[in-house]
mmCIF file of all heavy atoms, coordinates in Angstrom:
data_MODEL
# 
_entry.id   MODEL 
# 
loop_
_atom_site.group_PDB 
_atom_site.id 
_atom_site.type_symbol 
_atom_site.label_atom_id 
_atom_site.label_alt_id 
_atom_site.label_comp_id 
_atom_site.label_asym_id 
_atom_site.label_entity_id 
_atom_site.label_seq_id 
_atom_site.pdbx_PDB_ins_code 
_atom_site.Cartn_x 
_atom_site.Cartn_y 
_atom_site.Cartn_z 
_atom_site.occupancy 
_atom_site.B_iso_or_equiv 
_atom_site.pdbx_formal_charge 
_atom_site.auth_seq_id 
_atom_site.auth_comp_id 
_atom_site.auth_asym_id 
_atom_site.auth_atom_id 
_atom_site.pdbx_PDB_model_num 
ATOM 1   N N   . LYS A 1 1  ? -6.447 1.358   150.759 1.00 0.00 ? 1  LYS A N   1 
ATOM 2   C CA  . LYS A 1 1  ? -5.181 1.838   151.312 1.00 0.00 ? 1  LYS A CA  1 
ATOM 3   C C   . LYS A 1 1  ? -4.968 1.399   152.755 1.00 0.00 ? 1  LYS A C   1 
ATOM 4   O O   . LYS A 1 1  ? -3.847 1.475   153.271 1.00 0.00 ? 1  LYS A O   1 
ATOM 5   C CB  . LYS A 1 1  ? -5.113 3.368   151.219 1.00 0.00 ? 1  LYS A CB  1 
ATOM 6   C CG  . LYS A 1 1  ? -5.230 3.928   149.813 1.00 0.00 ? 1  LYS A CG  1 
ATOM 7   C CD  . LYS A 1 1  ? -4.100 3.408   148.923 1.00 0.00 ? 1  LYS A CD  1 
ATOM 8   C CE  . LYS A 1 1  ? -4.196 3.998   147.504 1.00 0.00 ? 1  LYS A CE  1 
ATOM 9   N NZ  . LYS A 1 1  ? -3.158 3.422   146.606 1.00 0.00 ? 1  LYS A NZ  1 
ATOM 10  N N   . SER A 1 2  ? -6.019 0.945   153.417 1.00 0.00 ? 2  SER A N   1 
ATOM 11  C CA  . SER A 1 2  ? -5.875 0.527   154.808 1.00 0.00 ? 2  SER A CA  1 
ATOM 12  C C   . SER A 1 2  ? -5.485 -0.947  154.927 1.00 0.00 ? 2  SER A C   1 
ATOM 13  O O   . SER A 1 2  ? -5.416 -1.484  156.025 1.00 0.00 ? 2  SER A O   1 
ATOM 14  C CB  . SER A 1 2  ? -7.184 0.769   155.574 1.00 0.00 ? 2  SER A CB  1 
ATOM 15  O OG  . SER A 1 2  ? -8.207 -0.091  155.099 1.00 0.00 ? 2  SER A OG  1 
ATOM 16  N N   . LYS A 1 3  ? -5.210 -1.579  153.789 1.00 0.00 ? 3  LYS A N   1 
ATOM 17  C CA  . LYS A 1 3  ? -4.871 -3.005  153.797 1.00 0.00 ? 3  LYS A CA  1 
ATOM 18  C C   . LYS A 1 3  ? -3.488 -3.245  153.207 1.00 0.00 ? 3  LYS A C   1 
ATOM 19  O O   . LYS A 1 3  ? -3.108 -2.623  152.212 1.00 0.00 ? 3  LYS A O   1 
ATOM 20  C CB  . LYS A 1 3  ? -5.917 -3.815  153.022 1.00 0.00 ? 3  LYS A CB  1 
ATOM 21  C CG  . LYS A 1 3  ? -7.324 -3.745  153.616 1.00 0.00 ? 3  LYS A CG  1 
ATOM 22  C CD  . LYS A 1 3  ? -8.292 -4.627  152.862 1.00 0.00 ? 3  LYS A CD  1 
ATOM 23  C CE  . LYS A 1 3  ? -9.729 -4.435  153.336 1.00 0.00 ? 3  LYS A CE  1 
ATOM 24  N NZ  . LYS A 1 3  ? -9.915 -4.829  154.738 1.00 0.00 ? 3  LYS A NZ  1 
ATOM 25  N N   . ARG A 1 4  ? -2.756 -4.125  153.843 1.00 0.00 ? 4  ARG A N   1 
ATOM 26  C CA  . ARG A 1 4  ? -1.490 -4.629  153.316 1.00 0.00 ? 4  ARG A CA  1 
ATOM 27  C C   . ARG A 1 4  ? -1.810 -5.954  152.635 1.00 0.00 ? 4  ARG A C   1 
ATOM 28  O O   . ARG A 1 4  ? -2.221 -6.914  153.281 1.00 0.00 ? 4  ARG A O   1 
ATOM 29  C CB  . ARG A 1 4  ? -0.475 -4.856  154.427 1.00 0.00 ? 4  ARG A CB  1 
ATOM 30  C CG  . ARG A 1 4  ? 0.838  -5.477  153.950 1.00 0.00 ? 4  ARG A CG  1 
ATOM 31  C CD  . ARG A 1 4  ? 1.752  -5.863  155.094 1.00 0.00 ? 4  ARG A CD  1 
ATOM 32  N NE  . ARG A 1 4  ? 2.221  -4.679  155.808 1.00 0.00 ? 4  ARG A NE  1 
ATOM 33  C CZ  . ARG A 1 4  ? 1.750  -4.277  156.978 1.00 0.00 ? 4  ARG A CZ  1 
ATOM 34  N NH1 . ARG A 1 4  ? 0.793  -4.982  157.585 1.00 0.00 ? 4  ARG A NH1 1 
ATOM 35  N NH2 . ARG A 1 4  ? 2.209  -3.199  157.573 1.00 0.00 ? 4  ARG A NH2 1 
ATOM 36  N N   . VAL A 1 5  ? -1.635 -6.023  151.333 1.00 0.00 ? 5  VAL A N   1 
ATOM 37  C CA  . VAL A 1 5  ? -2.056 -7.198  150.571 1.00 0.00 ? 5  VAL A CA  1 
ATOM 38  C C   . VAL A 1 5  ? -0.848 -8.084  150.263 1.00 0.00 ? 5  VAL A C   1 
ATOM 39  O O   . VAL A 1 5  ? 0.099  -7.654  149.607 1.00 0.00 ? 5  VAL A O   1 
ATOM 40  C CB  . VAL A 1 5  ? -2.779 -6.802  149.271 1.00 0.00 ? 5  VAL A CB  1 
ATOM 41  C CG1 . VAL A 1 5  ? -3.244 -8.049  148.519 1.00 0.00 ? 5  VAL A CG1 1 
ATOM 42  C CG2 . VAL A 1 5  ? -3.969 -5.900  149.570 1.00 0.00 ? 5  VAL A CG2 1 
ATOM 43  N N   . ILE A 1 6  ? -0.916 -9.296  150.782 1.00 0.00 ? 6  ILE A N   1 
ATOM 44  C CA  . ILE A 1 6  ? 0.139  -10.290 150.577 1.00 0.00 ? 6  ILE A CA  1 
ATOM 45  C C   . ILE A 1 6  ? -0.425 -11.426 149.733 1.00 0.00 ? 6  ILE A C   1 
ATOM 46  O O   . ILE A 1 6  ? -1.535 -11.889 149.968 1.00 0.00 ? 6  ILE A O   1 
ATOM 47  C CB  . ILE A 1 6  ? 0.625  -10.882 151.926 1.00 0.00 ? 6  ILE A CB  1 
ATOM 48  C CG1 . ILE A 1 6  ? 0.933  -9.778  152.931 1.00 0.00 ? 6  ILE A CG1 1 
ATOM 49  C CG2 . ILE A 1 6  ? 1.829  -11.794 151.705 1.00 0.00 ? 6  ILE A CG2 1 
ATOM 50  C CD1 . ILE A 1 6  ? 2.066  -8.876  152.571 1.00 0.00 ? 6  ILE A CD1 1 
ATOM 51  N N   . ALA A 1 7  ? 0.340  -11.890 148.761 1.00 0.00 ? 7  ALA A N   1 
ATOM 52  C CA  . ALA A 1 7  ? -0.085 -13.036 147.942 1.00 0.00 ? 7  ALA A CA  1 
ATOM 53  C C   . ALA A 1 7  ? 0.913  -14.165 148.082 1.00 0.00 ? 7  ALA A C   1 
ATOM 54  O O   . ALA A 1 7  ? 2.119  -13.937 148.183 1.00 0.00 ? 7  ALA A O   1 
ATOM 55  C CB  . ALA A 1 7  ? -0.221 -12.640 146.479 1.00 0.00 ? 7  ALA A CB  1 
ATOM 56  N N   . GLN A 1 8  ? 0.414  -15.391 148.107 1.00 0.00 ? 8  GLN A N   1 
ATOM 57  C CA  . GLN A 1 8  ? 1.266  -16.577 148.041 1.00 0.00 ? 8  GLN A CA  1 
ATOM 58  C C   . GLN A 1 8  ? 0.877  -17.364 146.793 1.00 0.00 ? 8  GLN A C   1 
ATOM 59  O O   . GLN A 1 8  ? -0.296 -17.415 146.408 1.00 0.00 ? 8  GLN A O   1 
ATOM 60  C CB  . GLN A 1 8  ? 1.124  -17.436 149.297 1.00 0.00 ? 8  GLN A CB  1 
ATOM 61  C CG  . GLN A 1 8  ? -0.279 -17.953 149.579 1.00 0.00 ? 8  GLN A CG  1 
ATOM 62  C CD  . GLN A 1 8  ? -0.308 -19.008 150.669 1.00 0.00 ? 8  GLN A CD  1 
ATOM 63  O OE1 . GLN A 1 8  ? 0.411  -19.993 150.603 1.00 0.00 ? 8  GLN A OE1 1 
ATOM 64  N NE2 . GLN A 1 8  ? -1.158 -18.791 151.674 1.00 0.00 ? 8  GLN A NE2 1 
ATOM 65  N N   . ILE A 1 9  ? 1.876  -17.977 146.158 1.00 0.00 ? 9  ILE A N   1 
ATOM 66  C CA  . ILE A 1 9  ? 1.647  -18.712 144.913 1.00 0.00 ? 9  ILE A CA  1 
ATOM 67  C C   . ILE A 1 9  ? 2.034  -20.172 145.109 1.00 0.00 ? 9  ILE A C   1 
ATOM 68  O O   . ILE A 1 9  ? 3.178  -20.480 145.457 1.00 0.00 ? 9  ILE A O   1 
ATOM 69  C CB  . ILE A 1 9  ? 2.473  -18.122 143.746 1.00 0.00 ? 9  ILE A CB  1 
ATOM 70  C CG1 . ILE A 1 9  ? 2.212  -16.616 143.606 1.00 0.00 ? 9  ILE A CG1 1 
ATOM 71  C CG2 . ILE A 1 9  ? 2.150  -18.841 142.443 1.00 0.00 ? 9  ILE A CG2 1 
ATOM 72  C CD1 . ILE A 1 9  ? 3.161  -15.928 142.646 1.00 0.00 ? 9  ILE A CD1 1 
ATOM 73  N N   . ALA A 1 10 ? 1.092  -21.069 144.864 1.00 0.00 ? 10 ALA A N   1 
ATOM 74  C CA  . ALA A 1 10 ? 1.347  -22.502 145.023 1.00 0.00 ? 10 ALA A CA  1 
ATOM 75  C C   . ALA A 1 10 ? 2.254  -23.019 143.908 1.00 0.00 ? 10 ALA A C   1 
ATOM 76  O O   . ALA A 1 10 ? 2.262  -22.475 142.797 1.00 0.00 ? 10 ALA A O   1 
ATOM 77  C CB  . ALA A 1 10 ? 0.028  -23.268 145.011 1.00 0.00 ? 10 ALA A CB  1 
ATOM 78  N N   . PRO A 1 11 ? 3.041  -24.070 144.185 1.00 0.00 ? 11 PRO A N   1 
ATOM 79  C CA  . PRO A 1 11 ? 3.970  -24.600 143.171 1.00 0.00 ? 11 PRO A CA  1 
ATOM 80  C C   . PRO A 1 11 ? 3.321  -24.938 141.839 1.00 0.00 ? 11 PRO A C   1 
ATOM 81  O O   . PRO A 1 11 ? 3.871  -24.634 140.785 1.00 0.00 ? 11 PRO A O   1 
ATOM 82  C CB  . PRO A 1 11 ? 4.534  -25.856 143.850 1.00 0.00 ? 11 PRO A CB  1 
ATOM 83  C CG  . PRO A 1 11 ? 4.447  -25.564 145.310 1.00 0.00 ? 11 PRO A CG  1 
ATOM 84  C CD  . PRO A 1 11 ? 3.184  -24.759 145.482 1.00 0.00 ? 11 PRO A CD  1 
ATOM 85  N N   . ALA A 1 12 ? 2.134  -25.566 141.863 1.00 0.00 ? 12 ALA A N   1 
ATOM 86  C CA  . ALA A 1 12 ? 1.527  -26.058 140.620 1.00 0.00 ? 12 ALA A CA  1 
ATOM 87  C C   . ALA A 1 12 ? 1.062  -24.938 139.699 1.00 0.00 ? 12 ALA A C   1 
ATOM 88  O O   . ALA A 1 12 ? 0.903  -25.148 138.495 1.00 0.00 ? 12 ALA A O   1 
ATOM 89  C CB  . ALA A 1 12 ? 0.344  -26.975 140.947 1.00 0.00 ? 12 ALA A CB  1 
ATOM 90  N N   . VAL A 1 13 ? 0.860  -23.743 140.246 1.00 0.00 ? 13 VAL A N   1 
ATOM 91  C CA  . VAL A 1 13 ? 0.388  -22.615 139.425 1.00 0.00 ? 13 VAL A CA  1 
ATOM 92  C C   . VAL A 1 13 ? 1.435  -22.235 138.390 1.00 0.00 ? 13 VAL A C   1 
ATOM 93  O O   . VAL A 1 13 ? 1.117  -21.916 137.233 1.00 0.00 ? 13 VAL A O   1 
ATOM 94  C CB  . VAL A 1 13 ? 0.039  -21.407 140.315 1.00 0.00 ? 13 VAL A CB  1 
ATOM 95  C CG1 . VAL A 1 13 ? -0.335 -20.183 139.470 1.00 0.00 ? 13 VAL A CG1 1 
ATOM 96  C CG2 . VAL A 1 13 ? -1.093 -21.759 141.271 1.00 0.00 ? 13 VAL A CG2 1 
ATOM 97  N N   . ARG A 1 14 ? 2.697  -22.292 138.777 1.00 0.00 ? 14 ARG A N   1 
ATOM 98  C CA  . ARG A 1 14 ? 3.782  -21.801 137.913 1.00 0.00 ? 14 ARG A CA  1 
ATOM 99  C C   . ARG A 1 14 ? 4.010  -22.650 136.679 1.00 0.00 ? 14 ARG A C   1 
ATOM 100 O O   . ARG A 1 14 ? 4.681  -22.205 135.741 1.00 0.00 ? 14 ARG A O   1 
ATOM 101 C CB  . ARG A 1 14 ? 5.067  -21.682 138.728 1.00 0.00 ? 14 ARG A CB  1 
ATOM 102 C CG  . ARG A 1 14 ? 5.691  -22.987 139.175 1.00 0.00 ? 14 ARG A CG  1 
ATOM 103 C CD  . ARG A 1 14 ? 6.645  -22.798 140.345 1.00 0.00 ? 14 ARG A CD  1 
ATOM 104 N NE  . ARG A 1 14 ? 5.894  -22.438 141.548 1.00 0.00 ? 14 ARG A NE  1 
ATOM 105 C CZ  . ARG A 1 14 ? 6.432  -21.938 142.652 1.00 0.00 ? 14 ARG A CZ  1 
ATOM 106 N NH1 . ARG A 1 14 ? 7.728  -21.750 142.722 1.00 0.00 ? 14 ARG A NH1 1 
ATOM 107 N NH2 . ARG A 1 14 ? 5.677  -21.646 143.689 1.00 0.00 ? 14 ARG A NH2 1 
ATOM 108 N N   . VAL A 1 15 ? 3.492  -23.887 136.655 1.00 0.00 ? 15 VAL A N   1 
ATOM 109 C CA  . VAL A 1 15 ? 3.689  -24.741 135.481 1.00 0.00 ? 15 VAL A CA  1 
ATOM 110 C C   . VAL A 1 15 ? 2.397  -24.915 134.683 1.00 0.00 ? 15 VAL A C   1 
ATOM 111 O O   . VAL A 1 15 ? 2.325  -25.773 133.808 1.00 0.00 ? 15 VAL A O   1 
ATOM 112 C CB  . VAL A 1 15 ? 4.244  -26.129 135.891 1.00 0.00 ? 15 VAL A CB  1 
ATOM 113 C CG1 . VAL A 1 15 ? 5.681  -26.010 136.373 1.00 0.00 ? 15 VAL A CG1 1 
ATOM 114 C CG2 . VAL A 1 15 ? 3.359  -26.794 136.940 1.00 0.00 ? 15 VAL A CG2 1 
ATOM 115 N N   . ALA A 1 16 ? 1.387  -24.098 134.980 1.00 0.00 ? 16 ALA A N   1 
ATOM 116 C CA  . ALA A 1 16 ? 0.109  -24.237 134.272 1.00 0.00 ? 16 ALA A CA  1 
ATOM 117 C C   . ALA A 1 16 ? -0.447 -22.909 133.769 1.00 0.00 ? 16 ALA A C   1 
ATOM 118 O O   . ALA A 1 16 ? -1.113 -22.877 132.734 1.00 0.00 ? 16 ALA A O   1 
ATOM 119 C CB  . ALA A 1 16 ? -0.926 -24.903 135.187 1.00 0.00 ? 16 ALA A CB  1 
ATOM 120 N N   . LEU A 1 17 ? -0.194 -21.816 134.473 1.00 0.00 ? 17 LEU A N   1 
ATOM 121 C CA  . LEU A 1 17 ? -0.798 -20.539 134.078 1.00 0.00 ? 17 LEU A CA  1 
ATOM 122 C C   . LEU A 1 17 ? -0.442 -20.154 132.650 1.00 0.00 ? 17 LEU A C   1 
ATOM 123 O O   . LEU A 1 17 ? -1.262 -19.598 131.919 1.00 0.00 ? 17 LEU A O   1 
ATOM 124 C CB  . LEU A 1 17 ? -0.372 -19.419 135.039 1.00 0.00 ? 17 LEU A CB  1 
ATOM 125 C CG  . LEU A 1 17 ? -0.977 -18.051 134.709 1.00 0.00 ? 17 LEU A CG  1 
ATOM 126 C CD1 . LEU A 1 17 ? -2.457 -18.008 135.073 1.00 0.00 ? 17 LEU A CD1 1 
ATOM 127 C CD2 . LEU A 1 17 ? -0.239 -16.926 135.406 1.00 0.00 ? 17 LEU A CD2 1 
ATOM 128 N N   . GLY A 1 18 ? 0.764  -20.458 132.225 1.00 0.00 ? 18 GLY A N   1 
ATOM 129 C CA  . GLY A 1 18 ? 1.202  -20.090 130.875 1.00 0.00 ? 18 GLY A CA  1 
ATOM 130 C C   . GLY A 1 18 ? 0.316  -20.634 129.781 1.00 0.00 ? 18 GLY A C   1 
ATOM 131 O O   . GLY A 1 18 ? 0.247  -20.051 128.681 1.00 0.00 ? 18 GLY A O   1 
ATOM 132 N N   . GLU A 1 19 ? -0.390 -21.738 130.043 1.00 0.00 ? 19 GLU A N   1 
ATOM 133 C CA  . GLU A 1 19 ? -1.290 -22.322 129.043 1.00 0.00 ? 19 GLU A CA  1 
ATOM 134 C C   . GLU A 1 19 ? -2.388 -21.344 128.650 1.00 0.00 ? 19 GLU A C   1 
ATOM 135 O O   . GLU A 1 19 ? -2.906 -21.393 127.530 1.00 0.00 ? 19 GLU A O   1 
ATOM 136 C CB  . GLU A 1 19 ? -1.893 -23.622 129.579 1.00 0.00 ? 19 GLU A CB  1 
ATOM 137 C CG  . GLU A 1 19 ? -0.867 -24.720 129.826 1.00 0.00 ? 19 GLU A CG  1 
ATOM 138 C CD  . GLU A 1 19 ? -1.416 -25.864 130.655 1.00 0.00 ? 19 GLU A CD  1 
ATOM 139 O OE1 . GLU A 1 19 ? -2.628 -26.167 130.545 1.00 0.00 ? 19 GLU A OE1 1 
ATOM 140 O OE2 . GLU A 1 19 ? -0.647 -26.456 131.435 1.00 0.00 ? 19 GLU A OE2 1 
ATOM 141 N N   . GLU A 1 20 ? -2.761 -20.469 129.589 1.00 0.00 ? 20 GLU A N   1 
ATOM 142 C CA  . GLU A 1 20 ? -3.792 -19.470 129.297 1.00 0.00 ? 20 GLU A CA  1 
ATOM 143 C C   . GLU A 1 20 ? -3.288 -18.392 128.342 1.00 0.00 ? 20 GLU A C   1 
ATOM 144 O O   . GLU A 1 20 ? -4.074 -17.608 127.820 1.00 0.00 ? 20 GLU A O   1 
ATOM 145 C CB  . GLU A 1 20 ? -4.258 -18.822 130.600 1.00 0.00 ? 20 GLU A CB  1 
ATOM 146 C CG  . GLU A 1 20 ? -5.082 -19.722 131.499 1.00 0.00 ? 20 GLU A CG  1 
ATOM 147 C CD  . GLU A 1 20 ? -6.419 -20.054 130.868 1.00 0.00 ? 20 GLU A CD  1 
ATOM 148 O OE1 . GLU A 1 20 ? -7.124 -19.132 130.418 1.00 0.00 ? 20 GLU A OE1 1 
ATOM 149 O OE2 . GLU A 1 20 ? -6.769 -21.246 130.806 1.00 0.00 ? 20 GLU A OE2 1 
ATOM 150 N N   . PHE A 1 21 ? -1.982 -18.364 128.136 1.00 0.00 ? 21 PHE A N   1 
ATOM 151 C CA  . PHE A 1 21 ? -1.395 -17.339 127.275 1.00 0.00 ? 21 PHE A CA  1 
ATOM 152 C C   . PHE A 1 21 ? -0.584 -17.950 126.143 1.00 0.00 ? 21 PHE A C   1 
ATOM 153 O O   . PHE A 1 21 ? 0.362  -17.350 125.626 1.00 0.00 ? 21 PHE A O   1 
ATOM 154 C CB  . PHE A 1 21 ? -0.527 -16.397 128.123 1.00 0.00 ? 21 PHE A CB  1 
ATOM 155 C CG  . PHE A 1 21 ? -1.297 -15.708 129.213 1.00 0.00 ? 21 PHE A CG  1 
ATOM 156 C CD1 . PHE A 1 21 ? -1.343 -16.246 130.498 1.00 0.00 ? 21 PHE A CD1 1 
ATOM 157 C CD2 . PHE A 1 21 ? -2.033 -14.558 128.947 1.00 0.00 ? 21 PHE A CD2 1 
ATOM 158 C CE1 . PHE A 1 21 ? -2.082 -15.633 131.495 1.00 0.00 ? 21 PHE A CE1 1 
ATOM 159 C CE2 . PHE A 1 21 ? -2.779 -13.948 129.948 1.00 0.00 ? 21 PHE A CE2 1 
ATOM 160 C CZ  . PHE A 1 21 ? -2.802 -14.479 131.219 1.00 0.00 ? 21 PHE A CZ  1 
ATOM 161 N N   . GLY A 1 22 ? -0.966 -19.168 125.754 1.00 0.00 ? 22 GLY A N   1 
ATOM 162 C CA  . GLY A 1 22 ? -0.392 -19.799 124.579 1.00 0.00 ? 22 GLY A CA  1 
ATOM 163 C C   . GLY A 1 22 ? 0.887  -20.562 124.794 1.00 0.00 ? 22 GLY A C   1 
ATOM 164 O O   . GLY A 1 22 ? 1.499  -21.030 123.823 1.00 0.00 ? 22 GLY A O   1 
ATOM 165 N N   . LEU A 1 23 ? 1.316  -20.728 126.044 1.00 0.00 ? 23 LEU A N   1 
ATOM 166 C CA  . LEU A 1 23 ? 2.539  -21.473 126.321 1.00 0.00 ? 23 LEU A CA  1 
ATOM 167 C C   . LEU A 1 23 ? 2.230  -22.956 126.527 1.00 0.00 ? 23 LEU A C   1 
ATOM 168 O O   . LEU A 1 23 ? 1.083  -23.340 126.704 1.00 0.00 ? 23 LEU A O   1 
ATOM 169 C CB  . LEU A 1 23 ? 3.245  -20.895 127.554 1.00 0.00 ? 23 LEU A CB  1 
ATOM 170 C CG  . LEU A 1 23 ? 3.613  -19.407 127.459 1.00 0.00 ? 23 LEU A CG  1 
ATOM 171 C CD1 . LEU A 1 23 ? 4.268  -18.943 128.755 1.00 0.00 ? 23 LEU A CD1 1 
ATOM 172 C CD2 . LEU A 1 23 ? 4.536  -19.147 126.271 1.00 0.00 ? 23 LEU A CD2 1 
ATOM 173 N N   . ASN A 1 24 ? 3.253  -23.761 126.526 1.00 0.00 ? 24 ASN A N   1 
ATOM 174 C CA  . ASN A 1 24 ? 3.078  -25.207 126.651 1.00 0.00 ? 24 ASN A CA  1 
ATOM 175 C C   . ASN A 1 24 ? 2.896  -25.625 128.111 1.00 0.00 ? 24 ASN A C   1 
ATOM 176 O O   . ASN A 1 24 ? 3.435  -24.983 129.018 1.00 0.00 ? 24 ASN A O   1 
ATOM 177 C CB  . ASN A 1 24 ? 4.284  -25.941 126.069 1.00 0.00 ? 24 ASN A CB  1 
ATOM 178 C CG  . ASN A 1 24 ? 4.412  -25.771 124.572 1.00 0.00 ? 24 ASN A CG  1 
ATOM 179 O OD1 . ASN A 1 24 ? 3.405  -25.731 123.862 1.00 0.00 ? 24 ASN A OD1 1 
ATOM 180 N ND2 . ASN A 1 24 ? 5.638  -25.674 124.092 1.00 0.00 ? 24 ASN A ND2 1 
ATOM 181 N N   . PRO A 1 25 ? 2.159  -26.715 128.359 1.00 0.00 ? 25 PRO A N   1 
ATOM 182 C CA  . PRO A 1 25 ? 2.059  -27.241 129.724 1.00 0.00 ? 25 PRO A CA  1 
ATOM 183 C C   . PRO A 1 25 ? 3.448  -27.532 130.285 1.00 0.00 ? 25 PRO A C   1 
ATOM 184 O O   . PRO A 1 25 ? 4.308  -28.061 129.582 1.00 0.00 ? 25 PRO A O   1 
ATOM 185 C CB  . PRO A 1 25 ? 1.256  -28.538 129.548 1.00 0.00 ? 25 PRO A CB  1 
ATOM 186 C CG  . PRO A 1 25 ? 0.485  -28.337 128.282 1.00 0.00 ? 25 PRO A CG  1 
ATOM 187 C CD  . PRO A 1 25 ? 1.370  -27.509 127.395 1.00 0.00 ? 25 PRO A CD  1 
ATOM 188 N N   . GLY A 1 26 ? 3.653  -27.171 131.550 1.00 0.00 ? 26 GLY A N   1 
ATOM 189 C CA  . GLY A 1 26 ? 4.936  -27.413 132.192 1.00 0.00 ? 26 GLY A CA  1 
ATOM 190 C C   . GLY A 1 26 ? 5.925  -26.275 132.071 1.00 0.00 ? 26 GLY A C   1 
ATOM 191 O O   . GLY A 1 26 ? 6.960  -26.275 132.739 1.00 0.00 ? 26 GLY A O   1 
ATOM 192 N N   . GLU A 1 27 ? 5.615  -25.298 131.213 1.00 0.00 ? 27 GLU A N   1 
ATOM 193 C CA  . GLU A 1 27 ? 6.526  -24.158 131.070 1.00 0.00 ? 27 GLU A CA  1 
ATOM 194 C C   . GLU A 1 27 ? 6.419  -23.278 132.310 1.00 0.00 ? 27 GLU A C   1 
ATOM 195 O O   . GLU A 1 27 ? 5.333  -22.859 132.702 1.00 0.00 ? 27 GLU A O   1 
ATOM 196 C CB  . GLU A 1 27 ? 6.195  -23.366 129.809 1.00 0.00 ? 27 GLU A CB  1 
ATOM 197 C CG  . GLU A 1 27 ? 7.267  -22.369 129.441 1.00 0.00 ? 27 GLU A CG  1 
ATOM 198 C CD  . GLU A 1 27 ? 7.211  -21.939 127.980 1.00 0.00 ? 27 GLU A CD  1 
ATOM 199 O OE1 . GLU A 1 27 ? 6.606  -22.663 127.152 1.00 0.00 ? 27 GLU A OE1 1 
ATOM 200 O OE2 . GLU A 1 27 ? 7.769  -20.875 127.679 1.00 0.00 ? 27 GLU A OE2 1 
ATOM 201 N N   . VAL A 1 28 ? 7.549  -22.987 132.924 1.00 0.00 ? 28 VAL A N   1 
ATOM 202 C CA  . VAL A 1 28 ? 7.583  -22.256 134.191 1.00 0.00 ? 28 VAL A CA  1 
ATOM 203 C C   . VAL A 1 28 ? 7.485  -20.753 133.938 1.00 0.00 ? 28 VAL A C   1 
ATOM 204 O O   . VAL A 1 28 ? 8.290  -20.183 133.199 1.00 0.00 ? 28 VAL A O   1 
ATOM 205 C CB  . VAL A 1 28 ? 8.873  -22.575 134.977 1.00 0.00 ? 28 VAL A CB  1 
ATOM 206 C CG1 . VAL A 1 28 ? 8.907  -21.791 136.281 1.00 0.00 ? 28 VAL A CG1 1 
ATOM 207 C CG2 . VAL A 1 28 ? 8.973  -24.072 135.244 1.00 0.00 ? 28 VAL A CG2 1 
ATOM 208 N N   . THR A 1 29 ? 6.496  -20.129 134.571 1.00 0.00 ? 29 THR A N   1 
ATOM 209 C CA  . THR A 1 29 ? 6.264  -18.690 134.348 1.00 0.00 ? 29 THR A CA  1 
ATOM 210 C C   . THR A 1 29 ? 6.235  -17.915 135.657 1.00 0.00 ? 29 THR A C   1 
ATOM 211 O O   . THR A 1 29 ? 5.630  -16.849 135.727 1.00 0.00 ? 29 THR A O   1 
ATOM 212 C CB  . THR A 1 29 ? 4.927  -18.484 133.611 1.00 0.00 ? 29 THR A CB  1 
ATOM 213 O OG1 . THR A 1 29 ? 3.869  -19.059 134.398 1.00 0.00 ? 29 THR A OG1 1 
ATOM 214 C CG2 . THR A 1 29 ? 4.934  -19.108 132.230 1.00 0.00 ? 29 THR A CG2 1 
ATOM 215 N N   . ILE A 1 30 ? 6.910  -18.415 136.694 1.00 0.00 ? 30 ILE A N   1 
ATOM 216 C CA  . ILE A 1 30 ? 6.771  -17.819 138.013 1.00 0.00 ? 30 ILE A CA  1 
ATOM 217 C C   . ILE A 1 30 ? 7.215  -16.359 138.048 1.00 0.00 ? 30 ILE A C   1 
ATOM 218 O O   . ILE A 1 30 ? 6.596  -15.517 138.716 1.00 0.00 ? 30 ILE A O   1 
ATOM 219 C CB  . ILE A 1 30 ? 7.519  -18.655 139.086 1.00 0.00 ? 30 ILE A CB  1 
ATOM 220 C CG1 . ILE A 1 30 ? 7.135  -18.185 140.489 1.00 0.00 ? 30 ILE A CG1 1 
ATOM 221 C CG2 . ILE A 1 30 ? 9.007  -18.652 138.866 1.00 0.00 ? 30 ILE A CG2 1 
ATOM 222 C CD1 . ILE A 1 30 ? 5.678  -18.334 140.825 1.00 0.00 ? 30 ILE A CD1 1 
ATOM 223 N N   . GLY A 1 31 ? 8.277  -16.008 137.328 1.00 0.00 ? 31 GLY A N   1 
ATOM 224 C CA  . GLY A 1 31 ? 8.741  -14.621 137.317 1.00 0.00 ? 31 GLY A CA  1 
ATOM 225 C C   . GLY A 1 31 ? 7.705  -13.669 136.760 1.00 0.00 ? 31 GLY A C   1 
ATOM 226 O O   . GLY A 1 31 ? 7.503  -12.556 137.280 1.00 0.00 ? 31 GLY A O   1 
# 
């Protein structure tokens, strides 16, 4: 609770993470 946690997401992450959940390469999942 004593920390303010900020995250930044690199561009390439949004077109690859979906592959871990059965989506196709290049599919944008940033939302």
